[in-house]
């Protein structure tokens, strides 16, 4: 549980610092047999800042509960 807690702490801090990322996607606009028209878009995948805080707090709780049991 202690290792999982440390991983969650690191992941939570990264989530607070980096609030999301962009993924390039390609969308087919027109398909007329051999002629195709595609459009490239950047799709944003993000999460709220408080989600990173919650993950960090859960990680801290797991690390502290692991120390109490030992």
N, C-alpha and C. Protein backbone atom coordinates (compact mmCIF):
# COMPACT_ATOMS: atom_id res chain seq x y z
N UNK A 1 0.82 -1.19 0.00
CA UNK A 1 0.00 0.00 0.00
C UNK A 1 0.87 1.25 0.00
N UNK A 2 2.03 1.15 0.64
CA UNK A 2 2.92 2.30 0.71
C UNK A 2 3.40 2.68 -0.69
N UNK A 3 3.73 1.69 -1.52
CA UNK A 3 4.19 1.96 -2.89
C UNK A 3 3.08 2.59 -3.71
N UNK A 4 1.87 2.08 -3.58
CA UNK A 4 0.73 2.66 -4.29
C UNK A 4 0.50 4.10 -3.85
N UNK A 5 0.66 4.37 -2.58
CA UNK A 5 0.51 5.72 -2.06
C UNK A 5 1.53 6.67 -2.65
N UNK A 6 2.78 6.24 -2.75
CA UNK A 6 3.82 7.08 -3.34
C UNK A 6 3.53 7.35 -4.81
N UNK A 7 3.07 6.33 -5.53
CA UNK A 7 2.72 6.51 -6.95
C UNK A 7 1.58 7.51 -7.08
N UNK A 8 0.57 7.42 -6.21
CA UNK A 8 -0.55 8.35 -6.26
C UNK A 8 -0.11 9.78 -5.93
N UNK A 9 0.81 9.93 -4.99
CA UNK A 9 1.30 11.27 -4.65
C UNK A 9 1.99 11.89 -5.86
N UNK A 10 2.86 11.14 -6.51
CA UNK A 10 3.56 11.65 -7.69
C UNK A 10 2.58 11.96 -8.81
N UNK A 11 1.63 11.05 -9.05
CA UNK A 11 0.64 11.27 -10.11
C UNK A 11 -0.22 12.49 -9.82
N UNK A 12 -0.60 12.68 -8.56
CA UNK A 12 -1.41 13.84 -8.19
C UNK A 12 -0.67 15.14 -8.39
N UNK A 13 0.61 15.19 -8.02
CA UNK A 13 1.40 16.40 -8.22
C UNK A 13 1.55 16.70 -9.71
N UNK A 14 1.77 15.67 -10.51
CA UNK A 14 1.87 15.87 -11.96
C UNK A 14 0.54 16.37 -12.52
N UNK A 15 -0.58 15.85 -12.02
CA UNK A 15 -1.89 16.29 -12.49
C UNK A 15 -2.16 17.75 -12.14
N UNK A 16 -1.64 18.23 -11.02
CA UNK A 16 -1.83 19.63 -10.65
C UNK A 16 -0.97 20.52 -11.55
N UNK A 17 0.25 20.09 -11.84
CA UNK A 17 1.16 20.90 -12.66
C UNK A 17 0.75 20.88 -14.13
N UNK A 18 0.49 19.69 -14.66
CA UNK A 18 0.10 19.54 -16.07
C UNK A 18 -1.40 19.29 -16.09
N UNK A 19 -2.16 20.23 -16.56
CA UNK A 19 -3.62 20.16 -16.47
C UNK A 19 -4.28 19.43 -17.62
N UNK A 20 -3.50 18.84 -18.50
CA UNK A 20 -4.06 18.08 -19.61
C UNK A 20 -3.06 18.02 -20.75
N UNK A 21 -3.49 17.44 -21.86
CA UNK A 21 -2.62 17.34 -23.02
C UNK A 21 -3.46 17.31 -24.28
N UNK A 22 -2.83 17.61 -25.40
CA UNK A 22 -3.50 17.69 -26.68
C UNK A 22 -3.14 16.46 -27.52
N UNK A 23 -4.15 15.90 -28.18
CA UNK A 23 -3.95 14.72 -29.01
C UNK A 23 -4.38 15.07 -30.44
N UNK A 24 -3.49 14.92 -31.42
CA UNK A 24 -3.89 15.21 -32.80
C UNK A 24 -4.79 14.09 -33.35
N UNK A 25 -5.89 14.50 -33.95
CA UNK A 25 -6.81 13.54 -34.56
C UNK A 25 -7.05 13.94 -36.01
N UNK A 26 -7.46 12.98 -36.80
CA UNK A 26 -7.76 13.24 -38.20
C UNK A 26 -9.21 12.85 -38.45
N UNK A 27 -9.96 13.78 -39.03
CA UNK A 27 -11.38 13.58 -39.24
C UNK A 27 -11.67 13.62 -40.74
N UNK A 28 -12.39 12.60 -41.23
CA UNK A 28 -12.74 12.55 -42.65
C UNK A 28 -13.91 13.49 -42.90
N UNK A 29 -13.71 14.47 -43.80
CA UNK A 29 -14.75 15.45 -44.11
C UNK A 29 -15.54 15.02 -45.34
N UNK A 30 -14.83 14.68 -46.42
CA UNK A 30 -15.48 14.29 -47.68
C UNK A 30 -14.82 13.01 -48.18
N UNK A 31 -15.66 12.07 -48.64
CA UNK A 31 -15.15 10.82 -49.23
C UNK A 31 -15.90 10.59 -50.53
N UNK A 32 -15.27 10.94 -51.65
CA UNK A 32 -15.88 10.76 -52.97
C UNK A 32 -15.06 9.76 -53.77
N UNK A 33 -15.14 8.51 -53.39
CA UNK A 33 -14.38 7.46 -54.08
C UNK A 33 -12.89 7.64 -53.86
N UNK A 34 -12.14 7.90 -54.95
CA UNK A 34 -10.69 8.06 -54.80
C UNK A 34 -10.30 9.41 -54.18
N UNK A 35 -11.22 10.36 -54.13
CA UNK A 35 -10.94 11.68 -53.56
C UNK A 35 -11.41 11.73 -52.11
N UNK A 36 -10.47 12.02 -51.22
CA UNK A 36 -10.80 12.12 -49.80
C UNK A 36 -10.27 13.44 -49.26
N UNK A 37 -11.07 14.10 -48.43
CA UNK A 37 -10.65 15.34 -47.78
C UNK A 37 -10.68 15.08 -46.28
N UNK A 38 -9.53 15.25 -45.65
CA UNK A 38 -9.41 15.04 -44.20
C UNK A 38 -9.06 16.35 -43.52
N UNK A 39 -9.50 16.45 -42.29
CA UNK A 39 -9.20 17.64 -41.49
C UNK A 39 -8.47 17.19 -40.23
N UNK A 40 -7.35 17.84 -39.94
CA UNK A 40 -6.58 17.53 -38.74
C UNK A 40 -7.01 18.48 -37.62
N UNK A 41 -7.29 17.90 -36.47
CA UNK A 41 -7.70 18.68 -35.31
C UNK A 41 -6.87 18.26 -34.11
N UNK A 42 -6.73 19.18 -33.16
CA UNK A 42 -6.11 18.86 -31.89
C UNK A 42 -7.21 18.77 -30.85
N UNK A 43 -7.35 17.60 -30.25
CA UNK A 43 -8.38 17.39 -29.24
C UNK A 43 -7.74 17.50 -27.86
N UNK A 44 -8.30 18.33 -26.99
CA UNK A 44 -7.77 18.56 -25.66
C UNK A 44 -8.37 17.56 -24.68
N UNK A 45 -7.50 16.88 -23.95
CA UNK A 45 -7.93 15.97 -22.90
C UNK A 45 -7.41 16.56 -21.60
N UNK A 46 -8.32 16.99 -20.76
CA UNK A 46 -7.91 17.65 -19.53
C UNK A 46 -8.69 17.16 -18.33
N UNK A 47 -8.27 17.58 -17.17
CA UNK A 47 -8.93 17.22 -15.92
C UNK A 47 -8.89 18.43 -15.01
N UNK A 48 -9.82 18.51 -14.08
CA UNK A 48 -9.82 19.65 -13.16
C UNK A 48 -8.64 19.58 -12.19
N UNK A 49 -8.21 20.75 -11.73
CA UNK A 49 -7.07 20.83 -10.83
C UNK A 49 -7.34 20.10 -9.52
N UNK A 50 -8.58 20.18 -9.04
CA UNK A 50 -8.89 19.54 -7.75
C UNK A 50 -8.77 18.02 -7.82
N UNK A 51 -8.87 17.44 -9.01
CA UNK A 51 -8.70 15.98 -9.14
C UNK A 51 -7.28 15.58 -8.77
N UNK A 52 -6.30 16.38 -9.18
CA UNK A 52 -4.92 16.10 -8.79
C UNK A 52 -4.72 16.23 -7.30
N UNK A 53 -5.39 17.22 -6.68
CA UNK A 53 -5.31 17.37 -5.23
C UNK A 53 -5.91 16.19 -4.51
N UNK A 54 -7.03 15.70 -4.99
CA UNK A 54 -7.67 14.54 -4.37
C UNK A 54 -6.79 13.30 -4.46
N UNK A 55 -6.18 13.08 -5.64
CA UNK A 55 -5.30 11.93 -5.82
C UNK A 55 -4.10 12.03 -4.88
N UNK A 56 -3.56 13.25 -4.72
CA UNK A 56 -2.43 13.45 -3.81
C UNK A 56 -2.81 13.15 -2.37
N UNK A 57 -3.98 13.62 -1.96
CA UNK A 57 -4.43 13.39 -0.58
C UNK A 57 -4.65 11.90 -0.32
N UNK A 58 -5.23 11.20 -1.27
CA UNK A 58 -5.43 9.76 -1.12
C UNK A 58 -4.08 9.05 -1.00
N UNK A 59 -3.10 9.48 -1.79
CA UNK A 59 -1.76 8.89 -1.70
C UNK A 59 -1.13 9.13 -0.34
N UNK A 60 -1.28 10.34 0.20
CA UNK A 60 -0.73 10.65 1.53
C UNK A 60 -1.40 9.78 2.60
N UNK A 61 -2.72 9.62 2.49
CA UNK A 61 -3.44 8.79 3.46
C UNK A 61 -2.94 7.34 3.40
N UNK A 62 -2.72 6.82 2.19
CA UNK A 62 -2.21 5.45 2.07
C UNK A 62 -0.81 5.30 2.65
N UNK A 63 0.05 6.28 2.41
CA UNK A 63 1.41 6.21 2.96
C UNK A 63 1.37 6.28 4.48
N UNK A 64 0.56 7.18 5.03
CA UNK A 64 0.49 7.31 6.49
C UNK A 64 -0.16 6.09 7.14
N UNK A 65 -1.16 5.51 6.49
CA UNK A 65 -1.78 4.32 7.07
C UNK A 65 -0.84 3.12 6.98
N UNK A 66 0.03 3.09 5.99
CA UNK A 66 1.02 2.03 5.86
C UNK A 66 2.08 2.12 6.95
N UNK A 67 2.43 3.34 7.36
CA UNK A 67 3.40 3.50 8.44
C UNK A 67 2.84 3.12 9.80
N UNK A 68 1.57 3.36 9.99
CA UNK A 68 0.94 3.03 11.29
C UNK A 68 0.86 1.53 11.51
N UNK A 69 0.64 0.78 10.44
CA UNK A 69 0.49 -0.68 10.56
C UNK A 69 1.84 -1.35 10.81
N UNK A 70 2.92 -0.77 10.31
CA UNK A 70 4.25 -1.39 10.44
C UNK A 70 4.80 -1.30 11.83
